[in-house]
N, C-alpha and C. Protein backbone atom coordinates (compact mmCIF):
# COMPACT_ATOMS: atom_id res chain seq x y z
N MET A 1 0.85 -1.18 0.00
CA MET A 1 0.00 0.00 0.00
C MET A 1 0.89 1.24 0.00
N PRO A 2 0.71 2.12 -0.97
CA PRO A 2 1.57 3.30 -1.04
C PRO A 2 1.24 4.30 0.07
N THR A 3 2.19 5.17 0.35
CA THR A 3 1.89 6.27 1.26
C THR A 3 1.19 7.36 0.45
N TYR A 4 0.37 8.12 1.12
CA TYR A 4 -0.43 9.13 0.45
C TYR A 4 -0.10 10.52 0.97
N THR A 5 -0.25 11.48 0.10
CA THR A 5 -0.24 12.88 0.48
C THR A 5 -1.69 13.29 0.68
N ARG A 6 -1.94 13.93 1.81
CA ARG A 6 -3.30 14.36 2.13
C ARG A 6 -3.36 15.88 2.10
N THR A 7 -4.39 16.38 1.47
CA THR A 7 -4.74 17.80 1.53
C THR A 7 -6.02 17.88 2.33
N SER A 8 -5.98 18.55 3.46
CA SER A 8 -7.12 18.63 4.37
C SER A 8 -7.72 20.03 4.37
N PHE A 9 -9.01 20.09 4.15
CA PHE A 9 -9.76 21.35 4.12
C PHE A 9 -10.64 21.37 5.37
N LEU A 10 -10.39 22.32 6.27
CA LEU A 10 -11.19 22.41 7.50
C LEU A 10 -12.14 23.60 7.43
N ILE A 11 -13.38 23.34 7.85
CA ILE A 11 -14.44 24.35 7.83
C ILE A 11 -15.11 24.33 9.20
N LYS A 12 -15.38 25.51 9.74
CA LYS A 12 -16.10 25.57 11.01
C LYS A 12 -17.48 24.95 10.83
N GLU A 13 -17.85 24.10 11.78
CA GLU A 13 -19.16 23.45 11.70
C GLU A 13 -20.29 24.48 11.67
N SER A 14 -20.10 25.61 12.33
CA SER A 14 -21.13 26.65 12.34
C SER A 14 -21.35 27.25 10.95
N ASN A 15 -20.44 27.02 10.01
CA ASN A 15 -20.59 27.51 8.64
C ASN A 15 -21.23 26.49 7.70
N LEU A 16 -21.66 25.35 8.25
CA LEU A 16 -22.30 24.31 7.43
C LEU A 16 -23.56 24.88 6.79
N TYR A 17 -23.74 24.61 5.52
CA TYR A 17 -24.94 25.03 4.81
C TYR A 17 -25.40 23.89 3.89
N GLU A 18 -26.64 23.98 3.47
CA GLU A 18 -27.20 22.97 2.58
C GLU A 18 -26.42 23.00 1.26
N ASN A 19 -26.08 21.86 0.75
CA ASN A 19 -25.34 21.64 -0.49
C ASN A 19 -23.84 21.96 -0.37
N MET A 20 -23.31 22.04 0.85
CA MET A 20 -21.88 22.27 1.02
C MET A 20 -21.07 21.14 0.37
N VAL A 21 -21.52 19.91 0.55
CA VAL A 21 -20.80 18.77 -0.03
C VAL A 21 -20.80 18.88 -1.55
N GLY A 22 -21.95 19.17 -2.13
CA GLY A 22 -22.03 19.35 -3.58
C GLY A 22 -21.13 20.47 -4.06
N ASP A 23 -21.08 21.58 -3.32
CA ASP A 23 -20.20 22.69 -3.68
C ASP A 23 -18.74 22.29 -3.60
N PHE A 24 -18.39 21.47 -2.60
CA PHE A 24 -17.02 20.99 -2.48
C PHE A 24 -16.66 20.14 -3.70
N TYR A 25 -17.54 19.19 -4.05
CA TYR A 25 -17.28 18.34 -5.21
C TYR A 25 -17.18 19.18 -6.49
N ASP A 26 -18.03 20.20 -6.62
CA ASP A 26 -17.95 21.09 -7.78
C ASP A 26 -16.62 21.84 -7.82
N ALA A 27 -16.18 22.33 -6.65
CA ALA A 27 -14.91 23.08 -6.58
C ALA A 27 -13.73 22.21 -6.96
N VAL A 28 -13.80 20.92 -6.60
CA VAL A 28 -12.72 19.98 -6.94
C VAL A 28 -12.86 19.56 -8.40
N GLN A 29 -13.97 19.89 -9.01
CA GLN A 29 -14.27 19.53 -10.41
C GLN A 29 -14.27 18.03 -10.58
N VAL A 30 -15.07 17.39 -9.74
CA VAL A 30 -15.17 15.94 -9.73
C VAL A 30 -15.85 15.45 -11.01
N GLN A 31 -15.23 14.47 -11.62
CA GLN A 31 -15.79 13.76 -12.78
C GLN A 31 -15.42 12.30 -12.64
N ASN A 32 -16.13 11.44 -13.33
CA ASN A 32 -15.79 10.01 -13.37
C ASN A 32 -15.57 9.44 -11.98
N VAL A 33 -16.62 9.34 -11.20
CA VAL A 33 -16.47 8.94 -9.80
C VAL A 33 -17.08 7.57 -9.53
N ILE A 34 -16.59 6.98 -8.47
CA ILE A 34 -17.20 5.79 -7.87
C ILE A 34 -17.35 6.12 -6.39
N ALA A 35 -18.57 6.06 -5.89
CA ALA A 35 -18.80 6.32 -4.48
C ALA A 35 -18.67 5.01 -3.74
N SER A 36 -17.66 4.89 -2.89
CA SER A 36 -17.49 3.64 -2.15
C SER A 36 -17.98 3.87 -0.73
N PRO A 37 -18.49 2.89 -0.06
CA PRO A 37 -18.44 1.47 -0.35
C PRO A 37 -19.53 1.03 -1.31
N CYS A 38 -20.03 1.92 -2.11
CA CYS A 38 -21.14 1.59 -3.01
C CYS A 38 -20.63 0.99 -4.30
N SER A 39 -21.56 0.59 -5.10
CA SER A 39 -21.21 0.11 -6.43
C SER A 39 -21.07 1.30 -7.35
N GLU A 40 -20.63 1.04 -8.56
CA GLU A 40 -20.49 2.10 -9.55
C GLU A 40 -21.83 2.69 -9.95
N GLU A 41 -22.91 2.08 -9.51
CA GLU A 41 -24.24 2.56 -9.86
C GLU A 41 -24.63 3.80 -9.07
N ILE A 42 -23.94 4.08 -7.99
CA ILE A 42 -24.23 5.28 -7.19
C ILE A 42 -23.55 6.46 -7.86
N GLY A 43 -24.33 7.47 -8.17
CA GLY A 43 -23.78 8.64 -8.85
C GLY A 43 -23.28 9.69 -7.86
N LEU A 44 -22.63 10.68 -8.39
CA LEU A 44 -22.06 11.74 -7.57
C LEU A 44 -23.13 12.51 -6.81
N GLU A 45 -24.23 12.81 -7.47
CA GLU A 45 -25.29 13.57 -6.81
C GLU A 45 -25.86 12.80 -5.62
N GLU A 46 -26.08 11.50 -5.80
CA GLU A 46 -26.60 10.69 -4.71
C GLU A 46 -25.59 10.60 -3.56
N ALA A 47 -24.31 10.44 -3.90
CA ALA A 47 -23.27 10.41 -2.87
C ALA A 47 -23.19 11.74 -2.13
N ALA A 48 -23.30 12.85 -2.87
CA ALA A 48 -23.26 14.18 -2.24
C ALA A 48 -24.45 14.36 -1.31
N GLN A 49 -25.63 13.93 -1.73
CA GLN A 49 -26.82 14.06 -0.88
C GLN A 49 -26.68 13.21 0.38
N HIS A 50 -26.16 11.99 0.23
CA HIS A 50 -25.95 11.11 1.38
C HIS A 50 -24.99 11.76 2.37
N ASN A 51 -23.84 12.24 1.88
CA ASN A 51 -22.85 12.85 2.75
C ASN A 51 -23.36 14.13 3.38
N GLN A 52 -24.12 14.93 2.63
CA GLN A 52 -24.69 16.17 3.18
C GLN A 52 -25.67 15.85 4.30
N ARG A 53 -26.50 14.83 4.09
CA ARG A 53 -27.47 14.44 5.13
C ARG A 53 -26.74 14.05 6.41
N LEU A 54 -25.66 13.30 6.29
CA LEU A 54 -24.89 12.90 7.48
C LEU A 54 -24.26 14.11 8.17
N LEU A 55 -23.74 15.05 7.38
CA LEU A 55 -23.19 16.28 7.99
C LEU A 55 -24.29 17.05 8.72
N ASN A 56 -25.44 17.19 8.08
CA ASN A 56 -26.55 17.91 8.70
C ASN A 56 -26.99 17.26 10.02
N GLN A 57 -26.87 15.93 10.09
CA GLN A 57 -27.22 15.19 11.30
C GLN A 57 -26.07 15.16 12.30
N LYS A 58 -24.98 15.81 11.97
CA LYS A 58 -23.77 15.84 12.81
C LYS A 58 -23.27 14.43 13.11
N ASN A 59 -23.32 13.59 12.10
CA ASN A 59 -22.84 12.21 12.22
C ASN A 59 -21.33 12.22 12.42
N ARG A 60 -20.89 11.62 13.50
CA ARG A 60 -19.47 11.52 13.81
C ARG A 60 -18.99 10.12 13.53
N LEU A 61 -17.81 9.99 13.00
CA LEU A 61 -17.24 8.67 12.76
C LEU A 61 -16.98 7.98 14.08
N GLY A 62 -17.00 6.67 14.05
CA GLY A 62 -16.71 5.90 15.25
C GLY A 62 -17.96 5.40 15.95
N GLY A 63 -19.11 5.76 15.42
CA GLY A 63 -20.35 5.29 16.02
C GLY A 63 -20.65 3.86 15.60
N THR A 64 -21.78 3.37 16.04
CA THR A 64 -22.18 2.02 15.65
C THR A 64 -22.94 2.10 14.34
N GLY A 65 -23.17 0.98 13.73
CA GLY A 65 -23.90 0.93 12.48
C GLY A 65 -23.08 0.25 11.41
N THR A 66 -23.63 0.19 10.23
CA THR A 66 -22.94 -0.46 9.12
C THR A 66 -22.07 0.54 8.37
N ILE A 67 -21.27 0.02 7.46
CA ILE A 67 -20.40 0.89 6.66
C ILE A 67 -21.24 1.86 5.83
N PHE A 68 -22.47 1.49 5.49
CA PHE A 68 -23.33 2.36 4.70
C PHE A 68 -23.90 3.51 5.51
N ASP A 69 -23.71 3.48 6.84
CA ASP A 69 -24.15 4.58 7.69
C ASP A 69 -23.11 5.67 7.76
N ASN A 70 -21.93 5.45 7.20
CA ASN A 70 -20.86 6.43 7.22
C ASN A 70 -20.80 7.19 5.90
N TYR A 71 -19.93 8.16 5.85
CA TYR A 71 -19.76 8.99 4.66
C TYR A 71 -19.21 8.15 3.51
N TYR A 72 -19.70 8.44 2.31
CA TYR A 72 -19.18 7.77 1.12
C TYR A 72 -17.87 8.44 0.72
N GLN A 73 -16.92 7.64 0.37
CA GLN A 73 -15.65 8.12 -0.15
C GLN A 73 -15.80 8.18 -1.67
N ILE A 74 -15.24 9.22 -2.27
CA ILE A 74 -15.34 9.41 -3.70
C ILE A 74 -13.99 9.11 -4.33
N LYS A 75 -13.98 8.20 -5.29
CA LYS A 75 -12.76 7.87 -6.03
C LYS A 75 -12.82 8.58 -7.37
N LEU A 76 -11.80 9.35 -7.67
CA LEU A 76 -11.77 10.10 -8.92
C LEU A 76 -10.91 9.39 -9.94
N SER A 77 -11.26 9.54 -11.19
CA SER A 77 -10.39 9.07 -12.26
C SER A 77 -10.21 10.22 -13.23
N GLY A 78 -9.26 10.07 -14.12
CA GLY A 78 -9.02 11.12 -15.10
C GLY A 78 -8.09 12.21 -14.63
N THR A 79 -7.39 12.00 -13.50
CA THR A 79 -6.39 12.98 -13.06
C THR A 79 -5.01 12.44 -13.42
N ILE A 80 -3.98 13.23 -13.17
CA ILE A 80 -2.61 12.78 -13.43
C ILE A 80 -2.16 11.74 -12.42
N TYR A 81 -2.93 11.56 -11.36
CA TYR A 81 -2.58 10.60 -10.32
C TYR A 81 -3.32 9.28 -10.55
N SER A 82 -2.67 8.16 -10.29
CA SER A 82 -3.29 6.85 -10.51
C SER A 82 -4.45 6.62 -9.55
N GLU A 83 -4.41 7.27 -8.41
CA GLU A 83 -5.48 7.14 -7.43
C GLU A 83 -5.69 8.50 -6.78
N CYS A 84 -6.94 8.90 -6.71
CA CYS A 84 -7.28 10.19 -6.13
C CYS A 84 -8.62 10.01 -5.44
N ARG A 85 -8.65 10.24 -4.12
CA ARG A 85 -9.87 10.00 -3.35
C ARG A 85 -10.24 11.21 -2.51
N LEU A 86 -11.53 11.42 -2.35
CA LEU A 86 -12.07 12.46 -1.48
C LEU A 86 -12.87 11.78 -0.38
N TYR A 87 -12.68 12.24 0.84
CA TYR A 87 -13.49 11.69 1.93
C TYR A 87 -13.72 12.75 2.99
N ILE A 88 -14.72 12.48 3.83
CA ILE A 88 -15.09 13.39 4.92
C ILE A 88 -14.79 12.69 6.23
N LEU A 89 -14.10 13.40 7.11
CA LEU A 89 -13.90 12.92 8.48
C LEU A 89 -14.52 13.97 9.39
N ASN A 90 -15.67 13.66 9.90
CA ASN A 90 -16.36 14.59 10.79
C ASN A 90 -16.23 14.04 12.21
N ARG A 91 -15.07 14.26 12.79
CA ARG A 91 -14.84 13.71 14.13
C ARG A 91 -14.49 14.77 15.16
N TYR A 92 -14.47 16.02 14.75
CA TYR A 92 -14.15 17.10 15.68
C TYR A 92 -15.43 17.82 16.07
N ALA A 93 -15.44 18.37 17.25
CA ALA A 93 -16.65 19.01 17.77
C ALA A 93 -17.05 20.25 16.97
N ASP A 94 -16.08 21.01 16.49
CA ASP A 94 -16.43 22.28 15.84
C ASP A 94 -15.88 22.46 14.44
N LEU A 95 -15.22 21.43 13.89
CA LEU A 95 -14.65 21.53 12.54
C LEU A 95 -15.09 20.36 11.67
N LEU A 96 -15.37 20.67 10.41
CA LEU A 96 -15.66 19.65 9.42
C LEU A 96 -14.39 19.44 8.60
N GLY A 97 -14.04 18.21 8.33
CA GLY A 97 -12.83 17.92 7.57
C GLY A 97 -13.12 17.23 6.26
N PHE A 98 -12.79 17.91 5.17
CA PHE A 98 -12.87 17.33 3.84
C PHE A 98 -11.43 17.03 3.43
N HIS A 99 -11.17 15.83 2.91
CA HIS A 99 -9.79 15.43 2.62
C HIS A 99 -9.67 14.86 1.21
N LEU A 100 -8.51 15.15 0.61
CA LEU A 100 -8.16 14.64 -0.71
C LEU A 100 -6.83 13.92 -0.56
N ILE A 101 -6.74 12.68 -1.02
CA ILE A 101 -5.47 11.96 -0.94
C ILE A 101 -5.06 11.44 -2.31
N VAL A 102 -3.75 11.48 -2.54
CA VAL A 102 -3.13 10.95 -3.76
C VAL A 102 -1.83 10.27 -3.36
N PRO A 103 -1.33 9.32 -4.16
CA PRO A 103 -0.06 8.67 -3.83
C PRO A 103 1.08 9.68 -3.74
N ASP A 104 1.81 9.63 -2.63
CA ASP A 104 2.89 10.57 -2.40
C ASP A 104 3.97 10.47 -3.48
N SER A 105 4.30 9.27 -3.90
CA SER A 105 5.35 9.11 -4.92
C SER A 105 4.97 9.83 -6.21
N GLU A 106 3.68 9.89 -6.51
CA GLU A 106 3.23 10.57 -7.73
C GLU A 106 3.23 12.09 -7.56
N VAL A 107 3.04 12.56 -6.34
CA VAL A 107 3.19 13.99 -6.09
C VAL A 107 4.65 14.37 -6.30
N GLN A 108 5.55 13.50 -5.83
CA GLN A 108 6.98 13.75 -6.04
C GLN A 108 7.31 13.74 -7.54
N GLN A 109 6.68 12.85 -8.29
CA GLN A 109 6.96 12.70 -9.71
C GLN A 109 6.33 13.82 -10.55
N HIS A 110 5.04 14.10 -10.31
CA HIS A 110 4.30 15.04 -11.15
C HIS A 110 4.22 16.46 -10.58
N GLY A 111 4.61 16.61 -9.33
CA GLY A 111 4.47 17.91 -8.69
C GLY A 111 3.11 18.08 -8.06
N TYR A 112 2.89 19.24 -7.46
CA TYR A 112 1.64 19.45 -6.73
C TYR A 112 0.83 20.61 -7.29
N ASP A 113 1.10 21.00 -8.53
CA ASP A 113 0.34 22.10 -9.14
C ASP A 113 -1.16 21.80 -9.22
N LEU A 114 -1.53 20.56 -9.54
CA LEU A 114 -2.95 20.21 -9.59
C LEU A 114 -3.58 20.33 -8.21
N LEU A 115 -2.89 19.87 -7.18
CA LEU A 115 -3.42 19.99 -5.82
C LEU A 115 -3.59 21.45 -5.43
N LYS A 116 -2.62 22.29 -5.80
CA LYS A 116 -2.73 23.73 -5.52
C LYS A 116 -3.93 24.34 -6.24
N ALA A 117 -4.12 23.97 -7.49
CA ALA A 117 -5.24 24.50 -8.26
C ALA A 117 -6.57 24.09 -7.62
N ILE A 118 -6.66 22.84 -7.18
CA ILE A 118 -7.87 22.37 -6.50
C ILE A 118 -8.09 23.17 -5.22
N ALA A 119 -7.03 23.34 -4.44
CA ALA A 119 -7.15 24.09 -3.18
C ALA A 119 -7.61 25.52 -3.43
N ARG A 120 -7.03 26.17 -4.40
CA ARG A 120 -7.43 27.56 -4.71
C ARG A 120 -8.89 27.62 -5.15
N SER A 121 -9.35 26.63 -5.90
CA SER A 121 -10.74 26.59 -6.32
C SER A 121 -11.66 26.41 -5.12
N VAL A 122 -11.30 25.51 -4.21
CA VAL A 122 -12.12 25.26 -3.02
C VAL A 122 -12.19 26.52 -2.16
N ILE A 123 -11.07 27.22 -2.00
CA ILE A 123 -11.04 28.44 -1.18
C ILE A 123 -12.03 29.48 -1.71
N THR A 124 -12.18 29.57 -3.02
CA THR A 124 -13.08 30.58 -3.58
C THR A 124 -14.55 30.21 -3.44
N LYS A 125 -14.85 28.93 -3.17
CA LYS A 125 -16.24 28.49 -3.16
C LYS A 125 -16.78 28.10 -1.80
N LEU A 126 -15.92 27.84 -0.84
CA LEU A 126 -16.38 27.39 0.48
C LEU A 126 -15.73 28.24 1.58
N PRO A 127 -16.36 28.29 2.76
CA PRO A 127 -15.82 29.08 3.88
C PRO A 127 -14.70 28.32 4.60
N ILE A 128 -13.56 28.18 3.95
CA ILE A 128 -12.44 27.41 4.47
C ILE A 128 -11.75 28.16 5.61
N GLU A 129 -11.48 27.45 6.71
CA GLU A 129 -10.69 28.00 7.82
C GLU A 129 -9.21 27.76 7.60
N SER A 130 -8.87 26.53 7.18
CA SER A 130 -7.47 26.21 6.93
C SER A 130 -7.35 25.04 5.97
N ILE A 131 -6.18 24.98 5.33
CA ILE A 131 -5.81 23.85 4.48
C ILE A 131 -4.43 23.41 4.93
N SER A 132 -4.27 22.11 5.13
CA SER A 132 -2.98 21.52 5.49
C SER A 132 -2.61 20.50 4.43
N THR A 133 -1.32 20.30 4.23
CA THR A 133 -0.85 19.24 3.35
C THR A 133 0.24 18.46 4.06
N GLY A 134 0.26 17.16 3.83
CA GLY A 134 1.29 16.34 4.46
C GLY A 134 0.99 14.87 4.31
N ASP A 135 1.74 14.07 5.04
CA ASP A 135 1.59 12.63 5.04
C ASP A 135 0.21 12.25 5.56
N GLU A 136 -0.47 11.33 4.88
CA GLU A 136 -1.85 10.97 5.24
C GLU A 136 -1.99 10.40 6.65
N ILE A 137 -1.08 9.55 7.04
CA ILE A 137 -1.27 8.84 8.30
C ILE A 137 -0.79 9.65 9.51
N ALA A 138 0.46 10.00 9.52
CA ALA A 138 1.01 10.67 10.70
C ALA A 138 1.03 12.18 10.57
N PHE A 139 0.83 12.68 9.36
CA PHE A 139 0.95 14.11 9.09
C PHE A 139 2.30 14.61 9.59
N THR A 140 3.34 13.78 9.45
CA THR A 140 4.69 14.17 9.87
C THR A 140 5.31 15.00 8.77
N THR A 141 5.30 16.25 8.97
CA THR A 141 5.81 17.19 7.98
C THR A 141 6.11 18.51 8.68
N ALA A 142 6.61 19.46 7.94
CA ALA A 142 6.90 20.77 8.50
C ALA A 142 5.61 21.43 8.97
N THR A 143 5.68 22.10 10.10
CA THR A 143 4.51 22.79 10.61
C THR A 143 4.86 24.25 10.89
N VAL A 144 3.84 25.06 10.89
CA VAL A 144 3.95 26.48 11.22
C VAL A 144 3.07 26.70 12.44
N GLU A 145 3.62 27.34 13.46
CA GLU A 145 2.82 27.63 14.64
C GLU A 145 1.99 28.88 14.41
N LEU A 146 0.71 28.78 14.70
CA LEU A 146 -0.21 29.89 14.53
C LEU A 146 -0.33 30.66 15.85
N SER A 147 -0.94 31.83 15.80
CA SER A 147 -1.00 32.68 16.98
C SER A 147 -1.80 32.06 18.12
N ASN A 148 -2.73 31.15 17.82
CA ASN A 148 -3.51 30.51 18.88
C ASN A 148 -2.83 29.27 19.45
N GLY A 149 -1.62 28.97 18.98
CA GLY A 149 -0.88 27.82 19.47
C GLY A 149 -1.06 26.57 18.62
N ASP A 150 -2.05 26.57 17.74
CA ASP A 150 -2.23 25.44 16.83
C ASP A 150 -1.09 25.39 15.83
N GLU A 151 -0.92 24.20 15.22
CA GLU A 151 0.09 24.06 14.17
C GLU A 151 -0.61 23.74 12.86
N LEU A 152 -0.07 24.28 11.78
CA LEU A 152 -0.58 24.06 10.44
C LEU A 152 0.48 23.30 9.66
N ALA A 153 0.15 22.11 9.16
CA ALA A 153 1.09 21.31 8.37
C ALA A 153 1.13 21.85 6.95
N ILE A 154 2.33 22.13 6.46
CA ILE A 154 2.46 22.67 5.10
C ILE A 154 3.62 22.00 4.36
N GLN A 155 3.48 20.72 4.11
CA GLN A 155 4.51 20.03 3.35
C GLN A 155 4.66 20.65 1.97
N TYR A 156 3.56 20.96 1.32
CA TYR A 156 3.60 21.55 -0.01
C TYR A 156 3.04 22.97 -0.02
N PHE A 157 1.90 23.15 0.62
CA PHE A 157 1.26 24.46 0.69
C PHE A 157 0.23 24.40 1.80
N GLY A 158 -0.36 25.52 2.12
CA GLY A 158 -1.40 25.57 3.14
C GLY A 158 -2.22 26.82 2.98
N TYR A 159 -3.17 27.00 3.89
CA TYR A 159 -4.03 28.18 3.88
C TYR A 159 -4.49 28.41 5.31
N THR A 160 -4.50 29.66 5.70
CA THR A 160 -4.99 30.03 7.03
C THR A 160 -5.48 31.46 6.99
N LYS A 161 -6.28 31.82 7.97
CA LYS A 161 -6.73 33.20 8.13
C LYS A 161 -5.88 33.92 9.18
N ASP A 162 -4.91 33.23 9.74
CA ASP A 162 -4.06 33.76 10.81
C ASP A 162 -2.94 34.62 10.23
N GLU A 163 -2.92 35.89 10.59
CA GLU A 163 -1.90 36.82 10.08
C GLU A 163 -0.49 36.52 10.59
N ALA A 164 -0.36 35.65 11.59
CA ALA A 164 0.96 35.33 12.13
C ALA A 164 1.89 34.78 11.05
N VAL A 165 1.33 34.14 10.03
CA VAL A 165 2.18 33.56 8.98
C VAL A 165 2.90 34.63 8.17
N LEU A 166 2.40 35.86 8.19
CA LEU A 166 3.04 36.93 7.43
C LEU A 166 4.42 37.28 7.96
N ASP A 167 4.68 36.97 9.21
CA ASP A 167 5.96 37.29 9.83
C ASP A 167 7.00 36.20 9.70
N ILE A 168 6.65 35.09 9.07
CA ILE A 168 7.59 33.97 8.93
C ILE A 168 8.35 34.15 7.62
N GLN A 169 9.65 34.41 7.74
CA GLN A 169 10.47 34.80 6.59
C GLN A 169 10.53 33.77 5.48
N TYR A 170 10.53 32.48 5.81
CA TYR A 170 10.70 31.47 4.78
C TYR A 170 9.40 31.09 4.07
N LEU A 171 8.31 31.79 4.38
CA LEU A 171 7.03 31.50 3.73
C LEU A 171 6.67 32.59 2.73
N LYS A 172 6.08 32.17 1.63
CA LYS A 172 5.51 33.09 0.65
C LYS A 172 4.01 33.05 0.89
N CYS A 173 3.43 34.19 1.25
CA CYS A 173 2.00 34.26 1.56
C CYS A 173 1.29 35.13 0.53
N THR A 174 0.25 34.59 -0.05
CA THR A 174 -0.55 35.31 -1.02
C THR A 174 -1.95 35.48 -0.45
N SER A 175 -2.43 36.70 -0.43
CA SER A 175 -3.77 36.97 0.09
C SER A 175 -4.82 36.34 -0.81
N GLN A 176 -5.76 35.60 -0.21
CA GLN A 176 -6.86 35.00 -0.97
C GLN A 176 -8.04 34.78 -0.04
N ASN A 177 -9.19 35.32 -0.40
CA ASN A 177 -10.45 35.13 0.32
C ASN A 177 -10.32 35.30 1.83
N SER A 178 -9.90 36.44 2.27
CA SER A 178 -9.78 36.78 3.70
C SER A 178 -8.79 35.90 4.44
N GLY A 179 -7.86 35.32 3.72
CA GLY A 179 -6.84 34.48 4.34
C GLY A 179 -5.56 34.53 3.53
N TYR A 180 -4.69 33.56 3.80
CA TYR A 180 -3.36 33.55 3.17
C TYR A 180 -3.03 32.16 2.66
N PHE A 181 -2.77 32.09 1.36
CA PHE A 181 -2.30 30.86 0.73
C PHE A 181 -0.79 30.83 0.96
N ILE A 182 -0.29 29.74 1.51
CA ILE A 182 1.10 29.67 1.99
C ILE A 182 1.89 28.65 1.19
N GLU A 183 3.11 29.06 0.81
CA GLU A 183 4.07 28.14 0.21
C GLU A 183 5.44 28.50 0.75
N TYR A 184 6.37 27.59 0.60
CA TYR A 184 7.75 27.91 0.97
C TYR A 184 8.35 28.81 -0.10
N ARG A 185 9.16 29.76 0.34
CA ARG A 185 9.87 30.61 -0.61
C ARG A 185 10.96 29.81 -1.30
N ALA A 186 11.15 30.09 -2.58
CA ALA A 186 12.26 29.46 -3.31
C ALA A 186 13.57 30.10 -2.85
N ASN A 187 14.60 29.30 -2.73
CA ASN A 187 15.91 29.83 -2.29
C ASN A 187 16.55 30.66 -3.36
């Protein structure tokens, strides 16, 4: 099983609105999908409605029930990556987590421009609090300490509304949608 690079999009739960999941899928420009654990017969709209209903019900992972009671994971095809998946982890009390994973070796091979483009699209369409990038499992990567003491993982890029990042010399910060898109400065 390959290691994956994860791009995590966090949104305050208080900003949840009807069709947020559909808007997220639109921002990622989802095409050619399979909603798992479903069959290929489940379409994107049905998967989005299912996931939106669970978010509206504040469904948290780790509860009892069958696999069909949890959020559907979306598998994308037609990207430069051999595997590209979107999933929702709603396990925090006040934050919703939308995640995109791709094989890390392919990010190393092809670069992360596509991931950046997806992130910038999502920022313009949803009320994003932060975006982190890093290793899928441990998220062991470079972090930036924010003014509230939290850390933001930015292996490739990130996004935050915290102005503290403007004072970090080795970061390139671009203003976008009331926040800052972050990358490392080139030497």
